[in-house]
Every structure is written in C-alpha cells, then in structure tokens.
C-alpha cells in the first residue's frame, strides 16, 4: 500500500516508500526528464529555488535501511534511507563515490515535510537495475500471518466454547437436582447413613442437618454408619466435624460398633483419627477389645492388640477380654489374647476363670486351648465353690464333660453345698451326662 506523496523543498515529489508492515512495491523505470542535479554540498541541493541552509552531516549505524525513492522536480531520483528511531547517531562518514559522479558527495541528513522519519540523501543517480538490486526483500510472512491467524482463531474457539459450557452447566444442574430428589427418598440423615448413601448424606448435611444430632435410638449418624460399616460415610462425617468420642445412650462409641461387627478397616480409620482405644461403655464398661473378643472378631482383636489395647482390662464384672472370648469365640481369638499376655486363670468378680466361662457355654474348642496352655482344672468360683466340671455337668454339655474328664478333672470334688458334678447333673436331669459320670464312679 503506497504512502502519501512527500514534499521536498516546496515541490511535490512522488515517494515509493511504504510502512514497514506492508510490502515494498516494484521499482519501475523513471524517464529522464532533465540533466542531473549538481552535487550536494550540505542539506538540500542548491537550485534556482534558493540555497538550502547548511546542516551538520549525520549518518546512522543500523541494519540495512529501507530505501525511500523520491523523484525531484528536475527529474532526477534521490534515494533516502529511513532509519528506525531506536538507532543512535554515529560520527559522519563520506558518501561512497559513484563512477558517474564528478566530485565526492557527502551524505547528509534531510527530512521531508510530509514525514517525521529522518532520511539521508544520496545525490548520485543510479541505474534502474542497481536500484532494484539495492532494495532488500522484506519478510512479508510475519507481517501478514499474525494479522490474520490470531484474529480468526480465538473468535472461532469462543463461538464453540460458549454453547459447550452452557450445555455442561445445564447437565450438571440436572444431575444435582436428580441426586437431591433421590436423596430425599432416604428421608433423614440417619437413614442415609444407615443405607450408606453418601450423596444423600452430603445432601442432608448441606441442608443443615447436624452430624452430632441423635435419632430416636440415641445414635448419631457416625455411630450408625460405623455400625453398618460404611467407610466413605464415616470419613465424610469425620471430615464434617463428627467426634470420634460421640456415644449412644449406653456409652458405646463408633469404635465399639466397628469392633463388634468386625470392620477392620473402619477400626483402623477410627484409631488413625484419634479414637480412644480404651473407651468403656456405660452398660458393661467394656472396651472395644472386650466387644471384639465377645463377638469372635479375631482380626479386629489382633489389630487392637497390635495398636496397644490393654489385654488385661476388666469390665464391670471384672472380666478380661479372654473371659469374653472363652464362651463364644474360636481358638484363634483366644490364641491372640494369650499370645499378648492374657492371664489364663484370671478371676472375675464371681471368681470364675475363662475355663469356667468356656465350660458354662460348652465351648470345647476354646476350653481345649486353655487346657493346653495350663488352665487350672480344679479352680472353684467364689459364689458356689464349683469347678469347671460342675458347670459343664449342671448345664448338660456332654462334650465338655468328656473333655474335662479326659484332662483328668476330679469328678468327686464337692461344692459349698457338698454336691459333686454328678449330683448337679441328676438335679438338672442331664441323662447323658449322668450316665457318663456314673461310669466314671464305678
């Protein structure tokens, strides 16, 4: 795109220079209209239009300057060099000689009236071929590509992204509404915790339900979720401020509930969150280890023991976890307790030992373990002065009576009322046990 005509010394001269961001037009042949102008001595040439004022010659050090071709009133062509404004002025140097020049022509700075860019005039005319060769080829791609690509690409992206974003927001809103409607079917936060519906639990919590509020049974959502083994719900409730020491009406904690049901990972989570491993409920003063042992949760028992639970802790009846394990547990649970130092002949408040408790319930498996580990066969309780054999015979546990007799239990031992195991079996009408004991008495 050509620039506006420049004015040189009061006359209009056609200028072929263009701004840097546009292409340089081709140079066409200029007809010779008049003889060459006289050499420049400083400033503009001295012509009939008047003598130009003298100016200090200045040159610039820069990259190859862009040529500015100006046709003078006498028909000659003056070549100027537009300089970038950031370049610094250097000491003046003499202009190179041209073969057709009559005398050396110093290079001076001139400035056209129609432009503010300084120019250096070279008065020596040059042939058309040399002028074309002197013109540098500009890099046109950087001037055109950035002008089009950045202008179009962002506009296209913007028109595509807006509908997508709106569509995603609408889908998200619909999804949240559907989740809320589904959550409302649970009815309450406690029901959602019991069902393990994390989305519903989150929904009711956002609506303002508190994590510490208890239901009609006295359980808060944390206890309900722990009892049912819903790990993700328990995590969420703890993150929302639920307390690990929250209890039900009987003093049971979430750790008690998790231990009783054998939720090993949940027990580990509660311990990691600071739950009291020795917390005792208000009903029987049992610790989580007591609860796990009485429910034969061997893995939980092992985890609690490895985490430092007191194996000799006693509940309100003076029973240790081994007392609790003996009547109902498998040998593995009892073995864990014994390996961690459980006292095998410990007495509760009634004077019964773990072997008494095993005999009372007829658990021959745990009784066999206890006997193998050195349990006392003849130890009497404090209430009735009875041995484990008395307990087993009175309850009619034939297998247990057989085991105790095989282990050399004394069937002639008397309790406080002077009765033997056979007497108790007859009183309770335990026919099979009576026959077995009578056979030992002959």
Protein backbone atom coordinates (compact mmCIF):
# COMPACT_ATOMS: atom_id res chain seq x y z
CA UNK A 1 0.00 0.00 0.00
CA UNK A 2 1.78 3.23 -1.13
CA UNK A 3 2.33 6.06 1.28
CA UNK A 4 1.10 9.62 0.62
CA UNK A 5 3.33 11.81 -1.64
CA UNK A 6 6.20 13.54 0.09
CA UNK A 7 7.07 17.23 -0.37
CA UNK A 8 10.72 18.12 -0.94
CA UNK A 9 11.82 21.79 -0.88
CA UNK A 10 8.32 23.07 -1.57
CA UNK A 11 7.68 20.75 -4.52
CA UNK A 12 5.68 17.57 -4.62
CA UNK A 13 7.83 14.53 -5.12
CA UNK A 14 6.44 11.03 -5.59
CA UNK A 15 7.52 8.77 -2.76
CA UNK A 16 7.69 5.00 -3.15
CA UNK A 17 8.40 4.13 0.44
CA UNK A 18 5.74 2.24 2.37
CA UNK A 19 5.31 1.49 6.10
CA UNK A 20 7.32 -1.45 7.50
CA UNK A 21 4.33 -3.77 7.82
CA UNK A 22 3.45 -3.63 4.16
CA UNK A 23 5.24 -4.87 1.06
CA UNK A 24 7.61 -2.71 -0.96
CA UNK A 25 6.23 -2.05 -4.48
CA UNK A 26 8.23 -2.89 -7.53
CA UNK A 27 10.52 -0.14 -8.90
CA UNK A 28 9.61 0.94 -12.41
CA UNK A 29 11.74 2.84 -14.87
CA UNK A 30 11.78 6.57 -14.46
CA UNK A 31 12.10 8.69 -17.65
CA UNK A 32 15.00 11.13 -17.78
CA UNK A 33 13.33 14.49 -17.67
CA UNK A 34 16.32 16.80 -17.11
CA UNK A 35 20.08 16.81 -16.67
CA UNK A 36 21.50 15.54 -13.41
CA UNK A 37 21.36 17.88 -10.50
CA UNK A 38 24.52 19.36 -9.05
CA UNK A 39 26.37 17.60 -6.28
CA UNK A 40 25.09 18.13 -2.78
CA UNK A 41 27.27 20.21 -0.53
CA UNK A 42 25.07 20.01 2.53
CA UNK A 43 21.32 19.82 3.17
CA UNK A 44 19.18 20.11 0.01
CA UNK A 45 20.77 20.84 -3.43
CA UNK A 46 21.44 24.47 -4.35
CA UNK A 47 18.96 25.22 -7.18
CA UNK A 48 17.00 28.11 -8.53
CA UNK A 49 14.57 27.67 -5.67
CA UNK A 50 17.09 29.05 -3.24
CA UNK A 51 20.05 27.88 -1.28
CA UNK A 52 19.22 25.47 1.49
CA UNK A 53 20.65 26.11 4.96
CA UNK A 54 23.76 24.19 5.92
CA UNK A 55 23.23 21.16 8.20
CA UNK A 56 25.71 19.05 10.05
CA UNK A 57 26.11 15.75 8.18
CA UNK A 58 24.99 12.76 10.24
CA UNK A 59 24.94 9.03 9.45
CA UNK A 60 23.49 6.05 11.37
CA UNK A 61 24.74 2.62 12.21
CA UNK A 62 21.96 0.12 11.79
CA UNK A 63 20.68 -2.83 9.86
CA UNK A 64 20.24 -2.22 6.13
CA UNK A 65 17.94 0.78 5.99
CA UNK A 66 14.79 0.66 3.97
CA UNK A 67 15.15 2.74 0.74
CA UNK A 68 12.88 5.69 0.06
CA UNK A 69 12.87 6.73 -3.59
CA UNK A 70 11.90 10.39 -4.24
CA UNK A 71 11.60 11.95 -7.66
CA UNK A 72 12.91 15.52 -7.67
CA UNK A 73 11.47 18.45 -9.70
CA UNK A 74 14.34 18.20 -12.20
CA UNK A 75 13.51 14.58 -12.97
CA UNK A 76 16.34 13.02 -11.01
CA UNK A 77 15.77 10.38 -8.34
CA UNK A 78 17.01 10.89 -4.82
CA UNK A 79 17.43 7.81 -2.64
CA UNK A 80 16.76 8.30 1.05
CA UNK A 81 17.19 5.77 3.90
CA UNK A 82 14.58 5.79 6.61
CA UNK A 83 16.14 4.92 9.98
CA UNK A 84 14.46 3.18 12.92
CA UNK A 85 14.15 5.65 15.81
CA UNK A 86 15.99 3.41 18.27
CA UNK A 87 19.29 3.57 16.43
CA UNK A 88 21.97 6.03 17.64
CA UNK A 89 23.75 8.69 15.59
CA UNK A 90 27.38 7.95 14.70
CA UNK A 91 30.21 10.25 13.54
CA UNK A 92 29.74 11.48 9.93
CA UNK A 93 31.39 9.50 7.13
CA UNK A 94 31.88 10.38 3.48
CA UNK A 95 29.40 9.02 0.94
CA UNK A 96 30.80 6.36 -1.42
CA UNK A 97 31.83 7.52 -4.89
CA UNK A 98 29.80 6.66 -7.93
CA UNK A 99 31.55 6.17 -11.30
CA UNK A 100 29.47 8.87 -12.94
CA UNK A 101 29.87 11.44 -10.16
CA UNK A 102 32.07 14.47 -10.91
CA UNK A 103 33.05 15.01 -7.27
CA UNK A 104 32.67 13.27 -3.87
CA UNK A 105 29.19 13.70 -2.46
CA UNK A 106 28.93 13.76 1.34
CA UNK A 107 25.93 12.02 2.89
CA UNK A 108 23.73 14.42 4.79
CA UNK A 109 20.52 14.13 6.72
CA UNK A 110 17.37 15.51 5.12
CA UNK A 111 13.81 15.37 6.22
CA UNK A 112 10.75 15.53 4.04
CA UNK A 113 7.96 17.76 5.20
CA UNK A 114 5.33 15.03 4.89
CA UNK A 115 7.08 12.52 7.15
CA UNK A 116 8.68 12.58 10.57
CA UNK A 117 11.21 9.82 9.83
CA UNK A 118 14.75 11.20 9.27
CA UNK A 119 16.26 10.46 5.85
CA UNK A 120 19.79 10.54 4.39
CA UNK A 121 20.06 11.77 0.80
CA UNK A 122 22.40 10.25 -1.77
CA UNK A 123 22.53 12.59 -4.77
CA UNK A 124 24.28 10.24 -7.10
CA UNK A 125 21.75 8.83 -9.58
CA UNK A 126 21.80 5.06 -10.06
CA UNK A 127 20.61 2.93 -12.93
CA UNK A 128 17.30 1.12 -12.58
CA UNK A 129 18.90 -2.30 -12.24
CA UNK A 130 21.17 -1.14 -9.43
CA UNK A 131 18.23 0.46 -7.64
CA UNK A 132 16.24 -2.77 -7.86
CA UNK A 133 19.22 -4.76 -6.60
CA UNK A 134 19.71 -2.33 -3.70
CA UNK A 135 16.16 -2.84 -2.44
CA UNK A 136 16.14 -5.53 0.33
CA UNK A 137 13.45 -8.19 0.14
CA UNK A 138 11.27 -7.77 3.22
CA UNK A 139 9.92 -10.71 5.25
CA UNK A 140 6.26 -10.49 4.38
CA UNK A 141 5.04 -13.62 6.20
CA UNK A 142 5.45 -12.30 9.75
CA UNK A 143 3.62 -9.14 8.66
CA UNK A 144 0.60 -10.97 7.28
CA UNK A 145 0.23 -14.21 9.27
CA UNK A 146 -0.06 -12.67 12.74
CA UNK A 147 -2.56 -10.18 11.34
CA UNK A 148 -4.94 -12.92 10.25
CA UNK A 149 -4.40 -16.04 12.37
CA UNK A 150 -4.75 -14.56 15.88
CA UNK A 151 -7.71 -12.52 14.74
CA UNK A 152 -9.70 -15.51 13.48
CA UNK A 153 -8.73 -18.46 15.69
CA UNK A 154 -9.81 -17.03 19.07
CA UNK A 155 -13.09 -15.91 17.58
CA UNK A 156 -13.79 -19.46 16.36
CA UNK A 157 -12.86 -21.00 19.71
CA UNK A 158 -15.06 -18.56 21.59
CA UNK A 159 -18.09 -19.35 19.45
CA UNK A 160 -17.63 -23.08 20.09
CA UNK A 161 -16.87 -22.97 23.82
CA UNK A 162 -19.83 -20.87 24.93
CA UNK A 163 -22.53 -23.38 23.92
CA UNK A 164 -20.44 -26.27 25.33
CA UNK A 165 -20.02 -24.51 28.68
CA UNK A 166 -23.71 -23.74 28.87
CA UNK A 167 -24.59 -27.32 27.99
CA UNK A 168 -22.23 -28.69 30.67
CA UNK A 169 -23.67 -26.34 33.28
CA UNK A 170 -27.18 -27.44 32.40
CA UNK A 171 -26.24 -31.11 32.64
CA UNK A 172 -24.57 -30.53 36.00
CA UNK A 173 -27.64 -28.73 37.31
CA UNK A 174 -29.91 -31.54 36.15
CA UNK A 175 -27.61 -34.09 37.77
CA UNK A 176 -27.65 -32.25 41.08
CA UNK A 177 -31.42 -31.99 41.01
CA UNK A 178 -31.72 -35.71 40.32
CA UNK A 179 -29.35 -36.52 43.17
CA UNK A 180 -31.28 -34.27 45.51
CA UNK A 181 -34.55 -35.94 44.58
CA UNK A 182 -33.01 -39.36 45.15
CA UNK A 183 -31.55 -38.24 48.48
CA UNK A 184 -34.92 -37.05 49.72
CA UNK A 185 -36.20 -40.61 49.39
CA UNK A 186 -33.96 -41.58 52.31
CA UNK A 187 -35.98 -39.26 54.49
CA UNK A 188 -33.36 -38.27 57.07
CA UNK A 189 -29.63 -38.05 57.56
CA UNK A 190 -29.70 -41.10 59.84
CA UNK A 191 -31.47 -43.23 57.25
CA UNK A 192 -28.99 -42.11 54.63
CA UNK A 193 -26.09 -43.02 56.95
CA UNK A 194 -27.62 -46.42 57.64
CA UNK A 195 -28.02 -47.10 53.92
CA UNK A 196 -24.50 -45.87 53.20
CA UNK A 197 -25.80 -43.35 50.67
CA UNK A 198 -23.00 -40.82 50.64
CA UNK A 199 -24.73 -38.49 48.18
CA UNK A 200 -27.80 -38.40 50.36
CA UNK A 201 -25.71 -37.84 53.48
CA UNK A 202 -23.98 -34.93 51.77
CA UNK A 203 -27.34 -33.56 50.62
CA UNK A 204 -28.87 -33.56 54.11
CA UNK A 205 -25.70 -32.09 55.58
CA UNK A 206 -25.82 -29.21 53.11
CA UNK A 207 -29.45 -28.64 54.05
CA UNK A 208 -28.41 -28.08 57.65
CA UNK A 209 -28.65 -31.44 59.40
CA UNK A 210 -26.03 -31.64 62.15
CA UNK A 211 -23.64 -34.58 62.36
CA UNK A 212 -23.94 -34.79 66.15
CA UNK A 213 -27.72 -34.94 66.38
CA UNK A 214 -29.06 -38.30 67.60
CA UNK A 215 -32.04 -40.21 66.31
CA UNK A 216 -34.78 -41.80 68.42
CA UNK A 217 -32.46 -44.65 69.45
CA UNK A 218 -29.82 -42.22 70.69
CA UNK A 219 -27.36 -42.83 67.88
CA UNK A 220 -25.76 -40.08 65.86
CA UNK A 221 -25.06 -40.60 62.12
CA UNK A 222 -21.42 -41.53 62.82
CA UNK A 223 -22.42 -44.44 65.08
CA UNK A 224 -24.99 -45.64 62.57
CA UNK A 225 -22.53 -45.56 59.68
CA UNK A 226 -19.83 -47.29 61.77
CA UNK A 227 -22.24 -49.99 62.88
CA UNK A 228 -23.07 -50.73 59.24
CA UNK A 229 -19.50 -50.50 58.02
CA UNK A 230 -19.90 -47.59 55.60
CA UNK A 231 -16.33 -46.36 55.36
CA UNK A 232 -16.92 -43.47 52.93
CA UNK A 233 -19.81 -42.11 55.01
CA UNK A 234 -17.75 -42.32 58.20
CA UNK A 235 -14.91 -40.44 56.51
CA UNK A 236 -17.26 -37.73 55.31
CA UNK A 237 -18.88 -37.31 58.72
CA UNK A 238 -15.50 -37.10 60.44
CA UNK A 239 -14.37 -34.51 57.90
CA UNK A 240 -17.54 -32.54 58.64
CA UNK A 241 -16.75 -32.39 62.33
CA UNK A 242 -18.23 -35.56 63.82
CA UNK A 243 -16.46 -36.50 67.06
CA UNK A 244 -14.81 -39.88 67.47
CA UNK A 245 -15.89 -39.92 71.14
CA UNK A 246 -19.60 -39.46 70.39
CA UNK A 247 -21.62 -42.11 72.24
CA UNK A 248 -25.05 -43.64 72.27
CA UNK A 249 -27.25 -43.81 75.35
CA UNK A 250 -25.22 -46.71 76.73
CA UNK A 251 -21.85 -45.09 76.16
CA UNK A 252 -20.88 -47.04 73.07
CA UNK A 253 -18.59 -45.24 70.63
CA UNK A 254 -18.15 -45.66 66.89
CA UNK A 255 -15.06 -47.74 67.66
CA UNK A 256 -17.17 -50.10 69.79
CA UNK A 257 -19.65 -50.51 66.95
CA UNK A 258 -16.99 -51.08 64.30
CA UNK A 259 -15.13 -53.57 66.52
CA UNK A 260 -18.25 -55.56 67.32
CA UNK A 261 -19.04 -56.02 63.62
CA UNK A 262 -15.50 -56.84 62.56
CA UNK A 263 -15.00 -53.80 60.31
CA UNK A 264 -11.21 -53.95 60.38
CA UNK A 265 -10.51 -51.03 58.05
CA UNK A 266 -13.06 -48.90 59.81
CA UNK A 267 -11.46 -49.70 63.17
CA UNK A 268 -8.12 -48.67 61.72
CA UNK A 269 -9.62 -45.43 60.43
CA UNK A 270 -11.10 -44.58 63.82
CA UNK A 271 -7.78 -45.25 65.53
CA UNK A 272 -5.98 -43.09 62.97
CA UNK A 273 -8.46 -40.29 63.68
CA UNK A 274 -7.71 -40.45 67.41
CA UNK A 275 -10.46 -42.67 68.81
CA UNK A 276 -9.87 -43.78 72.41
CA UNK A 277 -8.84 -47.43 72.27
CA UNK A 278 -9.64 -47.91 75.97
CA UNK A 279 -13.04 -46.20 75.92
CA UNK A 280 -15.57 -48.05 78.10
CA UNK A 281 -19.29 -48.16 77.55
CA UNK A 282 -21.73 -47.36 80.34
CA UNK A 283 -23.53 -50.69 80.23
CA UNK A 284 -20.78 -53.23 80.95
CA UNK A 285 -17.70 -50.97 80.98
CA UNK A 286 -16.30 -52.98 78.15
CA UNK A 287 -13.54 -51.69 75.92
CA UNK A 288 -13.54 -52.17 72.12
CA UNK A 289 -11.26 -55.19 72.74
CA UNK A 290 -13.89 -56.73 75.04
CA UNK A 291 -16.55 -56.21 72.38
CA UNK A 292 -14.41 -57.66 69.59
CA UNK A 293 -13.46 -60.71 71.71
CA UNK A 294 -17.02 -61.48 72.76
CA UNK A 295 -18.12 -61.32 69.10
CA UNK A 296 -15.23 -63.52 67.94
CA UNK A 297 -13.76 -60.83 65.66
CA UNK A 298 -10.27 -62.28 65.55
CA UNK A 299 -8.78 -59.80 63.06
CA UNK A 300 -10.11 -56.83 65.00
CA UNK A 301 -8.74 -58.36 68.20
CA UNK A 302 -5.34 -58.67 66.63
CA UNK A 303 -5.46 -55.11 65.26
CA UNK A 304 -6.46 -53.67 68.62
CA UNK A 305 -3.76 -55.66 70.42
CA UNK A 306 -1.15 -54.53 67.91
CA UNK A 307 -2.35 -50.94 68.44
CA UNK A 308 -1.75 -51.16 72.19
CA UNK A 309 -5.08 -52.24 73.65
CA UNK A 310 -4.85 -53.49 77.25
CA UNK A 311 -5.27 -57.27 77.16
CA UNK A 312 -5.88 -57.37 80.94
CA UNK A 313 -8.53 -54.64 81.04
CA UNK A 314 -11.60 -55.56 83.10
CA UNK A 315 -15.23 -54.65 82.62
CA UNK A 316 -17.86 -54.01 85.30
CA UNK A 317 -17.98 -57.72 86.16
CA UNK A 318 -14.23 -57.93 86.42
CA UNK A 319 -13.93 -59.95 83.24
CA UNK A 320 -10.99 -59.68 80.89
CA UNK A 321 -11.24 -59.96 77.10
CA UNK A 322 -10.22 -63.61 77.50
CA UNK A 323 -13.27 -64.17 79.74
CA UNK A 324 -15.39 -62.68 76.97
CA UNK A 325 -13.78 -64.77 74.26
CA UNK A 326 -13.91 -68.13 76.07
CA UNK A 327 -17.67 -68.83 75.87
CA UNK A 328 -18.26 -67.81 72.25
CA UNK A 329 -15.02 -67.41 70.31
CA UNK A 330 -12.93 -69.71 68.21
CA UNK A 331 -9.49 -70.81 69.33
CA UNK A 332 -7.82 -68.21 67.08
CA UNK A 333 -9.22 -65.29 69.05
CA UNK A 334 -8.20 -66.86 72.34
CA UNK A 335 -4.77 -67.60 70.94
CA UNK A 336 -4.23 -63.92 70.01
CA UNK A 337 -5.14 -62.88 73.54
CA UNK A 338 -2.95 -65.49 75.20
CA UNK A 339 -0.02 -64.63 72.93
CA UNK A 340 -0.31 -60.99 74.02
CA UNK A 341 -0.17 -61.87 77.72
CA UNK A 342 -3.73 -62.55 78.76
CA UNK A 343 -3.89 -64.12 82.23
CA UNK A 344 -5.23 -67.63 81.74
CA UNK A 345 -6.54 -68.14 85.31
CA UNK A 346 -7.77 -64.58 85.90
CA UNK A 347 -10.86 -64.37 88.11
CA UNK A 348 -13.79 -62.08 87.60
CA UNK A 349 -15.95 -60.60 90.38
CA UNK A 350 -17.66 -64.01 90.85
CA UNK A 351 -14.39 -65.84 90.97
CA UNK A 352 -14.82 -67.59 87.66
CA UNK A 353 -11.94 -68.15 85.26
CA UNK A 354 -12.00 -68.20 81.45
CA UNK A 355 -12.21 -72.02 81.68
CA UNK A 356 -15.34 -71.70 83.85
CA UNK A 357 -16.88 -69.49 81.15
CA UNK A 358 -15.99 -71.96 78.42
CA UNK A 359 -17.47 -74.83 80.44
CA UNK A 360 -20.62 -72.85 81.14
CA UNK A 361 -21.28 -72.41 77.41
CA UNK A 362 -19.90 -75.78 76.37
CA UNK A 363 -17.21 -74.36 74.06
CA UNK A 364 -14.87 -77.31 73.85
CA UNK A 365 -12.58 -75.66 71.26
CA UNK A 366 -11.53 -72.74 73.45
CA UNK A 367 -11.51 -74.95 76.54
CA UNK A 368 -9.07 -77.29 74.85
CA UNK A 369 -6.80 -74.32 74.05
CA UNK A 370 -6.98 -73.13 77.64
CA UNK A 371 -6.21 -76.58 79.00
CA UNK A 372 -3.28 -76.96 76.62
CA UNK A 373 -1.95 -73.61 77.84
CA UNK A 374 -2.16 -74.68 81.51
CA UNK A 375 -5.59 -73.63 82.76
CA UNK A 376 -6.39 -74.88 86.29
CA UNK A 377 -8.98 -77.70 86.16
CA UNK A 378 -9.85 -77.60 89.86
CA UNK A 379 -10.21 -73.88 90.48
CA UNK A 380 -13.50 -73.04 92.19
CA UNK A 381 -15.64 -69.98 91.79
CA UNK A 382 -16.45 -67.79 94.79
CA UNK A 383 -20.22 -67.96 94.59
CA UNK A 384 -20.87 -71.72 94.80
CA UNK A 385 -17.42 -73.22 95.10
CA UNK A 386 -17.83 -75.09 91.84
CA UNK A 387 -15.18 -76.30 89.40
CA UNK A 388 -15.49 -76.12 85.60
CA UNK A 389 -16.70 -79.74 85.67
CA UNK A 390 -19.60 -78.71 87.95
CA UNK A 391 -20.50 -76.00 85.44
CA UNK A 392 -20.43 -78.33 82.45
CA UNK A 393 -22.36 -81.14 84.19
CA UNK A 394 -25.07 -78.82 85.52
CA UNK A 395 -25.60 -77.39 82.01
CA UNK A 396 -25.58 -80.84 80.37
CA UNK A 397 -22.63 -80.21 77.99
CA UNK A 398 -21.65 -83.80 77.31
CA UNK A 399 -18.72 -82.94 75.03
CA UNK A 400 -17.27 -80.53 77.56
CA UNK A 401 -17.66 -83.04 80.42
CA UNK A 402 -15.91 -85.65 78.31
CA UNK A 403 -13.02 -83.27 77.55
CA UNK A 404 -12.57 -82.32 81.21
CA UNK A 405 -12.60 -85.95 82.28
CA UNK A 406 -10.02 -86.76 79.64
CA UNK A 407 -7.87 -83.98 81.04
CA UNK A 408 -8.11 -85.69 84.47
CA UNK A 409 -10.67 -83.44 86.11
CA UNK A 410 -11.69 -84.74 89.57
CA UNK A 411 -15.38 -85.71 89.43
CA UNK A 412 -15.52 -86.24 93.22
CA UNK A 413 -14.88 -82.63 94.17
CA UNK A 414 -17.67 -81.10 96.31
CA UNK A 415 -19.06 -77.60 96.03
CA UNK A 416 -20.16 -75.49 99.02
CA UNK A 417 -23.36 -77.45 99.36
CA UNK A 418 -21.43 -80.72 99.31
CA UNK A 419 -22.54 -81.76 95.87
CA UNK A 420 -20.48 -83.38 93.12
CA UNK A 421 -20.80 -82.82 89.38
CA UNK A 422 -22.93 -86.00 89.16
CA UNK A 423 -25.33 -84.62 91.78
CA UNK A 424 -25.83 -81.44 89.76
CA UNK A 425 -26.38 -83.45 86.57
CA UNK A 426 -29.06 -85.57 88.23
CA UNK A 427 -30.77 -82.50 89.68
CA UNK A 428 -30.91 -80.90 86.24
CA UNK A 429 -31.97 -84.17 84.56
CA UNK A 430 -28.92 -84.37 82.28
CA UNK A 431 -29.31 -88.04 81.45
CA UNK A 432 -26.33 -88.43 79.07
CA UNK A 433 -24.01 -86.65 81.45
CA UNK A 434 -25.30 -88.69 84.41
CA UNK A 435 -24.53 -91.95 82.60
CA UNK A 436 -21.04 -90.76 81.73
CA UNK A 437 -20.24 -89.67 85.29
CA UNK A 438 -21.73 -92.81 86.79
CA UNK A 439 -19.48 -94.86 84.56
CA UNK A 440 -16.50 -93.00 86.00
CA UNK A 441 -17.69 -93.63 89.56
CA UNK A 442 -17.77 -97.41 89.31
